[in-house]
Amino acid sequence: MTTTAPGTTTLANFVGGERVAAADGRTLDVVDPSTGEAYASAPLSGAADVDAAYAAASAAFGEWRESTPAERQLALLRIADAVDARADELVAAESRNTGKPLHLTATDEVPPCADQLRFFAGAARVLDGLSAGEYAKGLTSWVRREPVGVVGQVTPWNYPLMMAVWKIAPALAAGNTIVLKPSETTPVSTLLLAEIAAEHLPAGVLNVVCGDRDTGRALVAHGRPDMVAITGSVRAGMEVASAASADVKRVHLELGGKAPVVVFDDADVAAAAEGIAAAGFYNAGQDCTAATRVLVHEKVAGAFTEALTEAARGTRTAAPDDPEAAYGPVNNATQLERVLGFVERLPSHATVETGGNRVGTRGYFHEPTVISGLRQDDEAVRTEIFGPVITVQTFADEAEAVRLANDVTYGLSSSVWTRDHATALRMSRALDFGVVWINTHIPFVAEMPHGGFKHSGYGKDLSLYGFEDYTRIKHVMSAF
């Protein structure tokens, strides 16, 4: 049951450069997951609100698309500077809304947001393409890269601020205008980011509408956007792709994952266990790239599982203001029940080495959990848990490791832990995932692409590839 804290804050959509309530006045509670208490109310936007947001984005597109790359660069650089200047506000908003530890949000999340804005500011001025030339006699051809147009975007609750930046920065850099819907449980930091950005953008270039799944469906199915982009679950991605196909909209999908973490018998077992625990439990495991599915060579499986279990027992989950917290609560009551359900349904051949339980009765905290003895067809191996749970399986040789690693419907990220260079190179080729880390797991840099294969979606975030996804290509040919 959700209770309401005194002094509840009223949030508003951000449309056309102004804060506006939902047209029909409906609202949703915004809950602090570390307490389970509602502390704010957000608009529950309907079709009229989505219409208004797209109208604002459409009206702003003509001016924004005519801005020069240098002008867009300057706007993004100013937004990045403002993010730095107001970092404390953003950290507080993100932490309260998600339960993330304050110290980690301040070091690991807000600074990269500013860095990513600066990267795409630079990308705005390095559009790529074939050189102009005479590819047929008497005719000169060249290629134009243009903004796609008005873009609808949907972001998730696991990294609400960062995922908003990943979506809006390349779209703005390319000259598009935006209507973005944050997750219904985590709208606060995205609304704050929109207000910060509005000081440096023409009104209507960036619009944010809050709401639930029906709001998201209205945003995707609307006739106006030229492209829709989502970071979310596979189910949500399939719905978006289906709805967008009816209107032949461009689609950009970054969906779920079930990252294989392959540990060979020559790996540094202690270092691997420490690194995998950090990458598996970070953000309460609520990361589509999390190191949650370990495949370890049978020769070192016992030693590795023992080391991973000890690392898990040394991992602390606690409230945001605890400086020793490695992670906070899971995002919401439904997600907590989902994680607990995976543990409750484990087959008899599985062993819970540590954890598996809720922590306390206040908020949505879950113990760091390690499960061994699982088989490839078990639910916990094949389905994304999205919680602080790491599973362990064994393999006998490299061929089996590759088979087990690739035998899931996801294809987002993976890692290989070995001292052997040739093994690392062979595995990086064989793994059917959009990201392969070697002797590490989960770091990102703005310059490199992030995106998956299979049910993990298509399109890239970050990098020049992510920038190009928000452009269209036009061939121009002239006789002379």
Protein backbone atom coordinates (compact mmCIF):
# COMPACT_ATOMS: atom_id res chain seq x y z
CA MET A 1 0.00 0.00 0.00
CA THR A 2 1.29 3.47 -0.89
CA THR A 3 1.01 6.28 1.62
CA THR A 4 1.31 9.99 0.91
CA ALA A 5 3.97 12.10 2.58
CA PRO A 6 3.08 15.60 3.83
CA GLY A 7 3.82 18.49 1.48
CA THR A 8 3.28 16.60 -1.77
CA THR A 9 4.77 18.34 -4.80
CA THR A 10 2.63 18.92 -7.89
CA LEU A 11 4.48 18.32 -11.16
CA ALA A 12 3.44 19.54 -14.61
CA ASN A 13 4.06 18.64 -18.23
CA PHE A 14 6.52 20.86 -20.08
CA VAL A 15 5.07 21.88 -23.44
CA GLY A 16 5.94 24.83 -25.66
CA GLY A 17 8.35 26.15 -23.06
CA GLU A 18 5.76 26.22 -20.28
CA ARG A 19 4.62 24.06 -17.36
CA VAL A 20 1.09 22.81 -18.04
CA ALA A 21 -1.26 20.43 -16.23
CA ALA A 22 -3.03 17.55 -17.96
CA ALA A 23 -6.06 18.82 -19.85
CA ASP A 24 -8.49 16.76 -17.78
CA GLY A 25 -6.65 17.29 -14.49
CA ARG A 26 -5.83 13.63 -13.88
CA THR A 27 -2.69 12.80 -11.91
CA LEU A 28 -0.49 9.90 -10.83
CA ASP A 29 1.37 9.44 -7.56
CA VAL A 30 5.17 9.59 -7.69
CA VAL A 31 6.62 7.27 -5.05
CA ASP A 32 9.97 7.34 -3.28
CA PRO A 33 11.05 3.68 -3.60
CA SER A 34 13.25 3.89 -0.53
CA THR A 35 10.18 4.61 1.64
CA GLY A 36 7.18 3.47 -0.37
CA GLU A 37 5.58 6.88 0.17
CA ALA A 38 4.12 9.15 -2.51
CA TYR A 39 5.82 12.54 -2.39
CA ALA A 40 4.63 14.12 -5.63
CA SER A 41 1.86 13.95 -8.20
CA ALA A 42 2.46 14.02 -11.96
CA PRO A 43 0.04 14.61 -14.82
CA LEU A 44 -1.69 11.58 -16.27
CA SER A 45 -1.68 12.87 -19.82
CA GLY A 46 -4.25 11.88 -22.40
CA ALA A 47 -4.73 12.28 -26.14
CA ALA A 48 -5.33 16.04 -25.87
CA ASP A 49 -2.04 16.54 -24.03
CA VAL A 50 -0.13 14.47 -26.59
CA ASP A 51 -1.78 16.49 -29.38
CA ALA A 52 -0.69 19.74 -27.73
CA ALA A 53 2.88 18.55 -27.30
CA TYR A 54 3.19 17.43 -30.92
CA ALA A 55 1.66 20.72 -32.08
CA ALA A 56 4.34 22.58 -30.12
CA ALA A 57 7.11 20.38 -31.54
CA SER A 58 5.76 20.83 -35.07
CA ALA A 59 5.59 24.60 -34.72
CA ALA A 60 9.19 24.70 -33.47
CA PHE A 61 10.62 22.37 -36.10
CA GLY A 62 10.83 24.91 -38.91
CA GLU A 63 13.07 27.23 -36.92
CA TRP A 64 15.17 24.52 -35.29
CA ARG A 65 15.88 22.62 -38.51
CA GLU A 66 17.16 25.87 -40.06
CA SER A 67 19.60 26.45 -37.19
CA THR A 68 23.23 25.88 -38.13
CA PRO A 69 25.27 23.05 -36.65
CA ALA A 70 27.27 25.68 -34.77
CA GLU A 71 24.09 27.10 -33.23
CA ARG A 72 22.89 23.66 -32.16
CA GLN A 73 26.33 22.90 -30.78
CA LEU A 74 26.31 26.06 -28.72
CA ALA A 75 22.86 25.29 -27.32
CA LEU A 76 23.91 21.79 -26.25
CA LEU A 77 27.13 23.07 -24.71
CA ARG A 78 25.14 25.61 -22.72
CA ILE A 79 22.75 22.88 -21.55
CA ALA A 80 25.74 20.77 -20.50
CA ASP A 81 27.18 23.70 -18.54
CA ALA A 82 23.78 24.20 -16.88
CA VAL A 83 23.65 20.51 -15.95
CA ASP A 84 27.04 20.92 -14.26
CA ALA A 85 25.94 24.10 -12.51
CA ARG A 86 22.73 22.52 -11.23
CA ALA A 87 24.17 19.09 -10.58
CA ASP A 88 23.15 19.10 -6.92
CA GLU A 89 19.51 19.67 -7.87
CA LEU A 90 19.60 16.92 -10.46
CA VAL A 91 21.28 14.48 -8.06
CA ALA A 92 18.68 15.18 -5.39
CA ALA A 93 15.80 14.81 -7.85
CA GLU A 94 17.14 11.60 -9.38
CA SER A 95 17.98 10.03 -6.04
CA ARG A 96 14.63 10.85 -4.41
CA ASN A 97 12.70 9.57 -7.41
CA THR A 98 14.68 6.33 -7.87
CA GLY A 99 16.21 5.56 -4.48
CA LYS A 100 19.71 5.56 -5.96
CA PRO A 101 22.59 6.30 -3.55
CA LEU A 102 23.35 10.01 -3.55
CA HIS A 103 27.11 9.51 -3.71
CA LEU A 104 26.91 7.25 -6.78
CA THR A 105 24.40 9.46 -8.57
CA ALA A 106 26.70 12.42 -8.02
CA THR A 107 29.75 10.65 -9.45
CA ASP A 108 28.49 8.02 -11.90
CA GLU A 109 25.39 9.51 -13.51
CA VAL A 110 25.09 13.30 -13.61
CA PRO A 111 28.67 14.04 -14.82
CA PRO A 112 28.35 11.57 -17.73
CA CYS A 113 25.11 13.29 -18.72
CA ALA A 114 26.98 16.57 -19.17
CA ASP A 115 29.78 14.75 -21.02
CA GLN A 116 27.32 13.09 -23.41
CA LEU A 117 25.64 16.42 -24.15
CA ARG A 118 29.07 17.83 -25.01
CA PHE A 119 29.87 14.89 -27.25
CA PHE A 120 26.71 15.35 -29.30
CA ALA A 121 27.32 19.09 -29.38
CA GLY A 122 30.52 18.28 -31.25
CA ALA A 123 28.82 15.64 -33.38
CA ALA A 124 26.43 18.30 -34.70
CA ARG A 125 29.35 19.74 -36.69
CA VAL A 126 30.80 16.57 -38.20
CA LEU A 127 28.04 15.19 -40.41
CA ASP A 128 29.46 12.48 -42.63
CA GLY A 129 28.71 11.43 -46.21
CA LEU A 130 30.07 10.53 -49.61
CA SER A 131 31.99 13.25 -51.39
CA ALA A 132 30.25 15.08 -54.22
CA GLY A 133 31.28 13.86 -57.63
CA GLU A 134 30.38 12.83 -61.13
CA TYR A 135 29.30 9.22 -60.77
CA ALA A 136 27.54 9.36 -64.16
CA LYS A 137 28.68 11.39 -67.16
CA GLY A 138 27.26 14.90 -67.21
CA LEU A 139 25.74 14.57 -63.75
CA THR A 140 26.98 15.66 -60.34
CA SER A 141 25.72 13.90 -57.21
CA TRP A 142 25.97 14.72 -53.56
CA VAL A 143 24.36 13.59 -50.33
CA ARG A 144 22.47 15.71 -47.82
CA ARG A 145 21.92 14.64 -44.23
CA GLU A 146 18.79 16.18 -42.80
CA PRO A 147 16.88 15.92 -39.51
CA VAL A 148 14.18 13.25 -39.50
CA GLY A 149 11.60 15.72 -38.18
CA VAL A 150 9.45 15.52 -35.07
CA VAL A 151 10.50 12.61 -32.84
CA GLY A 152 8.48 10.84 -30.14
CA GLN A 153 10.60 9.29 -27.39
CA VAL A 154 9.88 7.03 -24.39
CA THR A 155 12.41 6.53 -21.59
CA PRO A 156 12.59 3.97 -18.76
CA TRP A 157 12.77 4.16 -14.97
CA ASN A 158 16.16 2.58 -14.36
CA TYR A 159 18.27 5.59 -15.47
CA PRO A 160 15.63 8.28 -16.06
CA LEU A 161 17.99 11.25 -16.37
CA MET A 162 20.74 9.55 -18.33
CA MET A 163 18.34 7.80 -20.71
CA ALA A 164 16.64 11.13 -21.37
CA VAL A 165 20.03 12.61 -22.29
CA TRP A 166 20.84 9.60 -24.51
CA LYS A 167 17.59 10.26 -26.38
CA ILE A 168 17.40 14.04 -26.60
CA ALA A 169 21.07 14.92 -27.21
CA PRO A 170 21.51 13.24 -30.62
CA ALA A 171 18.01 14.20 -31.73
CA LEU A 172 18.57 17.87 -30.91
CA ALA A 173 22.06 17.88 -32.40
CA ALA A 174 20.63 16.63 -35.70
CA GLY A 175 17.97 19.37 -35.80
CA ASN A 176 14.90 17.42 -34.69
CA THR A 177 12.23 18.50 -32.23
CA ILE A 178 11.01 16.19 -29.50
CA VAL A 179 8.05 14.98 -27.48
CA LEU A 180 9.36 12.73 -24.70
CA LYS A 181 7.44 10.64 -22.18
CA PRO A 182 9.39 9.53 -19.11
CA SER A 183 8.38 6.46 -17.11
CA GLU A 184 5.31 7.02 -14.99
CA THR A 185 7.32 6.19 -11.85
CA THR A 186 10.31 8.49 -12.53
CA PRO A 187 9.35 11.76 -14.24
CA VAL A 188 11.02 14.20 -11.86
CA SER A 189 14.58 14.56 -13.17
CA THR A 190 13.42 14.56 -16.80
CA LEU A 191 11.07 17.47 -16.14
CA LEU A 192 13.88 19.33 -14.39
CA LEU A 193 16.20 18.65 -17.34
CA ALA A 194 13.56 19.99 -19.75
CA GLU A 195 13.25 23.22 -17.76
CA ILE A 196 17.05 23.59 -17.69
CA ALA A 197 17.28 22.95 -21.43
CA ALA A 198 14.45 25.38 -22.22
CA GLU A 199 16.65 28.29 -21.14
CA HIS A 200 18.84 27.55 -24.18
CA LEU A 201 16.35 26.25 -26.77
CA PRO A 202 13.47 27.84 -28.69
CA ALA A 203 10.09 27.08 -27.13
CA GLY A 204 8.64 23.79 -28.30
CA VAL A 205 11.91 22.16 -29.36
CA LEU A 206 11.86 19.87 -26.31
CA ASN A 207 8.53 18.87 -24.77
CA VAL A 208 7.83 16.40 -21.96
CA VAL A 209 4.49 14.74 -21.26
CA CYS A 210 3.99 12.55 -18.21
CA GLY A 211 1.66 9.59 -17.98
CA ASP A 212 1.22 5.84 -18.00
CA ARG A 213 1.41 3.13 -20.66
CA ASP A 214 -1.70 4.46 -22.37
CA THR A 215 0.00 7.85 -22.68
CA GLY A 216 2.99 6.14 -24.27
CA ARG A 217 0.73 4.29 -26.68
CA ALA A 218 -0.94 7.56 -27.67
CA LEU A 219 2.47 9.16 -28.22
CA VAL A 220 3.60 6.32 -30.51
CA ALA A 221 0.34 5.89 -32.43
CA HIS A 222 -0.10 9.62 -33.06
CA GLY A 223 0.03 10.61 -36.71
CA ARG A 224 2.55 13.45 -36.30
CA PRO A 225 5.94 11.98 -35.33
CA ASP A 226 8.29 11.02 -38.13
CA MET A 227 10.20 8.69 -35.81
CA VAL A 228 9.66 7.01 -32.45
CA ALA A 229 12.45 5.88 -30.12
CA ILE A 230 12.13 3.86 -26.95
CA THR A 231 14.33 2.40 -24.27
CA GLY A 232 12.28 -0.21 -22.45
CA SER A 233 11.21 -3.83 -22.22
CA VAL A 234 10.96 -6.24 -25.13
CA ARG A 235 7.18 -6.24 -24.73
CA ALA A 236 7.05 -2.47 -24.97
CA GLY A 237 9.40 -2.47 -27.97
CA MET A 238 7.25 -4.96 -29.83
CA GLU A 239 4.16 -2.83 -29.16
CA VAL A 240 5.95 0.28 -30.40
CA ALA A 241 7.24 -1.43 -33.55
CA SER A 242 3.77 -2.79 -34.30
CA ALA A 243 2.03 0.54 -33.79
CA ALA A 244 4.64 2.48 -35.76
CA SER A 245 4.49 0.07 -38.68
CA ALA A 246 0.88 1.01 -39.34
CA ASP A 247 2.08 4.50 -40.28
CA VAL A 248 5.54 3.51 -41.61
CA LYS A 249 7.29 5.53 -38.92
CA ARG A 250 11.00 5.12 -38.33
CA VAL A 251 11.67 3.20 -35.12
CA HIS A 252 14.67 3.10 -32.77
CA LEU A 253 14.54 0.38 -30.09
CA GLU A 254 16.88 -0.25 -27.15
CA LEU A 255 15.27 -3.10 -25.26
CA GLY A 256 16.06 -5.77 -22.70
CA GLY A 257 19.11 -7.93 -22.19
CA LYS A 258 20.42 -11.07 -20.54
CA ALA A 259 24.16 -10.54 -20.67
CA PRO A 260 26.35 -13.65 -20.66
CA VAL A 261 29.49 -13.23 -18.57
CA VAL A 262 31.96 -15.90 -19.67
CA VAL A 263 34.72 -16.73 -17.18
CA PHE A 264 37.48 -19.00 -18.48
CA ASP A 265 39.68 -21.17 -16.28
CA ASP A 266 42.72 -18.94 -16.85
CA ALA A 267 40.95 -15.81 -15.59
CA ASP A 268 41.91 -14.03 -12.39
CA VAL A 269 39.07 -15.53 -10.35
CA ALA A 270 39.18 -13.01 -7.52
CA ALA A 271 39.25 -10.01 -9.87
CA ALA A 272 36.50 -11.51 -12.04
CA ALA A 273 34.24 -12.16 -9.05
CA GLU A 274 34.74 -8.65 -7.73
CA GLY A 275 34.15 -7.01 -11.11
CA ILE A 276 31.11 -9.13 -11.93
CA ALA A 277 29.51 -8.50 -8.53
CA ALA A 278 29.95 -4.76 -9.02
CA ALA A 279 28.50 -4.91 -12.55
CA GLY A 280 25.67 -7.25 -11.58
CA PHE A 281 24.42 -5.46 -8.48
CA TYR A 282 24.96 -1.87 -9.62
CA ASN A 283 21.67 0.03 -9.66
CA ALA A 284 20.05 -3.00 -8.00
CA GLY A 285 20.67 -5.00 -11.18
CA GLN A 286 18.20 -2.76 -12.99
CA ASP A 287 20.28 -2.45 -16.11
CA CYS A 288 19.69 -4.20 -19.43
CA THR A 289 23.46 -4.66 -19.70
CA ALA A 290 23.95 -5.94 -16.12
CA ALA A 291 26.34 -8.83 -15.51
CA THR A 292 23.63 -11.19 -14.35
CA ARG A 293 24.20 -14.49 -16.23
CA VAL A 294 27.59 -16.01 -15.45
CA LEU A 295 29.00 -18.92 -17.43
CA VAL A 296 32.13 -20.20 -15.68
CA HIS A 297 34.52 -22.98 -16.70
CA GLU A 298 33.88 -26.09 -14.65
CA LYS A 299 37.52 -26.23 -13.50
CA VAL A 300 37.17 -22.98 -11.54
CA ALA A 301 33.41 -22.97 -10.91
CA GLY A 302 33.72 -23.80 -7.22
CA ALA A 303 36.33 -21.17 -6.46
CA PHE A 304 34.58 -18.55 -8.55
CA THR A 305 31.14 -19.18 -7.03
CA GLU A 306 32.61 -18.94 -3.54
CA ALA A 307 34.36 -15.67 -4.38
CA LEU A 308 31.23 -14.22 -6.04
CA THR A 309 29.11 -15.21 -3.04
CA GLU A 310 31.52 -13.48 -0.66
CA ALA A 311 31.47 -10.37 -2.87
CA ALA A 312 27.67 -10.41 -2.77
CA ARG A 313 27.63 -10.70 1.01
CA GLY A 314 29.91 -7.68 1.16
CA THR A 315 27.59 -5.62 -1.06
CA ARG A 316 25.36 -3.21 0.86
CA THR A 317 21.91 -2.05 -0.15
CA ALA A 318 20.58 0.91 1.80
CA ALA A 319 18.82 4.26 1.65
CA PRO A 320 20.15 7.01 -0.65
CA ASP A 321 21.94 8.93 2.08
CA ASP A 322 24.02 5.94 3.22
CA PRO A 323 27.59 6.55 1.94
CA GLU A 324 28.34 2.81 2.08
CA ALA A 325 25.39 1.80 -0.10
CA ALA A 326 26.35 0.03 -3.33
CA TYR A 327 22.77 0.21 -4.52
CA GLY A 328 19.34 1.28 -3.38
CA PRO A 329 15.87 -0.23 -3.70
CA VAL A 330 14.33 -1.66 -6.83
CA ASN A 331 12.11 0.89 -8.52
CA ASN A 332 8.61 -0.01 -7.45
CA ALA A 333 6.43 -2.51 -5.60
CA THR A 334 5.55 -4.41 -8.76
CA GLN A 335 9.21 -4.83 -9.66
CA LEU A 336 10.04 -6.04 -6.15
CA GLU A 337 7.34 -8.71 -6.42
CA ARG A 338 8.69 -9.69 -9.84
CA VAL A 339 12.21 -10.22 -8.50
CA LEU A 340 10.95 -12.15 -5.47
CA GLY A 341 8.84 -14.29 -7.79
CA PHE A 342 11.88 -15.46 -9.77
CA VAL A 343 13.51 -16.68 -6.56
CA GLU A 344 10.33 -18.33 -5.30
CA ARG A 345 9.89 -20.26 -8.57
CA LEU A 346 13.44 -21.62 -8.72
CA PRO A 347 13.64 -25.34 -9.58
CA SER A 348 14.84 -27.82 -6.97
CA HIS A 349 18.23 -28.26 -8.66
CA ALA A 350 19.09 -24.58 -8.10
CA THR A 351 20.89 -23.35 -4.99
CA VAL A 352 20.57 -19.87 -3.50
CA GLU A 353 24.14 -19.27 -2.38
CA THR A 354 23.22 -16.01 -0.67
CA GLY A 355 20.33 -13.54 -0.57
CA GLY A 356 16.97 -14.11 -2.19
CA ASN A 357 14.89 -12.04 0.22
CA ARG A 358 13.37 -8.63 0.69
CA VAL A 359 15.25 -6.35 3.08
CA GLY A 360 13.03 -4.78 5.74
CA THR A 361 9.43 -3.71 5.27
CA ARG A 362 9.94 -0.05 4.33
CA GLY A 363 10.73 0.65 0.71
CA TYR A 364 11.55 -1.91 -1.99
CA PHE A 365 14.96 -3.24 -1.02
CA HIS A 366 16.18 -6.69 -2.10
CA GLU A 367 19.26 -8.58 -0.97
CA PRO A 368 22.19 -9.13 -3.34
CA THR A 369 21.55 -12.67 -4.55
CA VAL A 370 23.66 -15.42 -6.15
CA ILE A 371 22.05 -18.58 -7.55
CA SER A 372 24.01 -21.61 -8.75
CA GLY A 373 23.09 -24.98 -10.24
CA LEU A 374 20.87 -23.55 -12.95
CA ARG A 375 20.30 -25.10 -16.34
CA GLN A 376 19.93 -23.41 -19.71
CA ASP A 377 16.17 -23.90 -19.95
CA ASP A 378 15.44 -22.47 -16.49
CA GLU A 379 13.34 -19.31 -16.30
CA ALA A 380 15.97 -17.40 -14.33
CA VAL A 381 18.52 -18.05 -17.09
CA ARG A 382 16.34 -17.23 -20.08
CA THR A 383 14.29 -14.26 -18.82
CA GLU A 384 15.49 -10.82 -17.78
CA ILE A 385 15.04 -10.46 -14.01
CA PHE A 386 16.02 -6.79 -13.73
CA GLY A 387 16.98 -7.06 -10.09
CA PRO A 388 20.04 -7.74 -7.89
CA VAL A 389 20.27 -11.40 -8.87
CA ILE A 390 23.27 -13.11 -10.50
CA THR A 391 22.96 -16.66 -11.82
CA VAL A 392 25.86 -19.09 -12.29
CA GLN A 393 26.16 -21.94 -14.80
CA THR A 394 29.16 -24.01 -15.85
CA PHE A 395 30.67 -24.98 -19.21
CA ALA A 396 33.25 -27.56 -20.26
CA ASP A 397 34.90 -25.88 -23.27
CA GLU A 398 34.84 -22.80 -25.46
CA ALA A 399 32.32 -24.24 -27.91
CA GLU A 400 29.84 -24.91 -25.12
CA ALA A 401 30.43 -21.45 -23.67
CA VAL A 402 29.53 -19.85 -27.01
CA ARG A 403 26.46 -22.05 -27.44
CA LEU A 404 25.11 -21.28 -23.95
CA ALA A 405 25.94 -17.59 -24.22
CA ASN A 406 24.10 -17.12 -27.53
CA ASP A 407 21.16 -19.37 -26.66
CA VAL A 408 18.81 -16.60 -25.50
CA THR A 409 16.50 -14.25 -27.40
CA TYR A 410 18.46 -11.18 -26.28
CA GLY A 411 21.56 -9.74 -27.91
CA LEU A 412 22.54 -6.57 -26.08
CA SER A 413 25.77 -7.03 -24.12
CA SER A 414 28.27 -9.62 -22.94
CA SER A 415 31.71 -9.97 -21.41
CA VAL A 416 34.67 -12.36 -21.51
CA TRP A 417 37.11 -12.90 -18.67
CA THR A 418 40.41 -14.50 -19.68
CA ARG A 419 44.15 -13.85 -19.70
CA ASP A 420 44.49 -15.30 -23.20
CA HIS A 421 44.43 -12.75 -26.02
CA ALA A 422 43.45 -15.24 -28.73
CA THR A 423 40.54 -16.55 -26.64
CA ALA A 424 39.30 -13.00 -26.09
CA LEU A 425 39.43 -12.23 -29.81
CA ARG A 426 37.66 -15.45 -30.82
CA MET A 427 34.92 -14.87 -28.26
CA SER A 428 34.44 -11.24 -29.27
CA ARG A 429 33.69 -12.49 -32.79
CA ALA A 430 31.50 -15.42 -31.73
CA LEU A 431 29.29 -13.69 -29.17
CA ASP A 432 26.04 -12.51 -30.78
CA PHE A 433 25.73 -9.31 -28.77
CA GLY A 434 26.05 -5.63 -29.61
CA VAL A 435 28.64 -5.02 -26.89
CA VAL A 436 31.48 -7.31 -25.81
CA TRP A 437 33.62 -6.29 -22.84
CA ILE A 438 36.90 -8.07 -22.08
CA ASN A 439 37.97 -8.39 -18.43
CA THR A 440 35.48 -5.69 -17.47
CA HIS A 441 31.72 -5.19 -17.67
CA ILE A 442 29.39 -2.18 -17.91
CA PRO A 443 31.57 0.90 -18.63
CA PHE A 444 30.29 3.21 -21.38
CA VAL A 445 31.89 6.09 -23.25
CA ALA A 446 30.07 8.64 -25.37
CA GLU A 447 32.25 7.93 -28.40
CA MET A 448 31.30 4.23 -28.70
CA PRO A 449 27.91 2.82 -29.82
CA HIS A 450 25.48 1.01 -27.56
CA GLY A 451 22.73 -1.16 -29.00
CA GLY A 452 21.77 -4.76 -29.48
CA PHE A 453 20.61 -7.52 -31.79
CA LYS A 454 17.64 -9.92 -31.80
CA HIS A 455 14.98 -9.08 -29.19
CA SER A 456 17.26 -6.42 -27.70
CA GLY A 457 16.22 -4.13 -30.54
CA TYR A 458 17.93 -2.12 -33.24
CA GLY A 459 19.52 1.28 -33.62
CA LYS A 460 22.38 2.70 -31.58
CA ASP A 461 22.60 5.07 -28.65
CA LEU A 462 25.72 7.18 -28.07
CA SER A 463 28.49 7.68 -30.68
CA LEU A 464 28.26 9.05 -34.20
CA TYR A 465 26.15 6.00 -35.08
CA GLY A 466 23.55 7.12 -32.56
CA PHE A 467 23.68 10.62 -34.04
CA GLU A 468 23.17 9.28 -37.58
CA ASP A 469 20.07 7.39 -36.45
CA TYR A 470 18.34 10.76 -36.04
CA THR A 471 19.14 11.89 -39.58
CA ARG A 472 17.80 11.01 -43.01
CA ILE A 473 19.83 10.80 -46.22
CA LYS A 474 18.88 12.57 -49.42
CA HIS A 475 20.61 12.11 -52.77
CA VAL A 476 20.74 15.24 -54.95
CA MET A 477 21.76 14.95 -58.63
CA SER A 478 22.28 17.85 -61.00
CA ALA A 479 22.98 18.04 -64.70
CA PHE A 480 25.71 20.41 -65.86
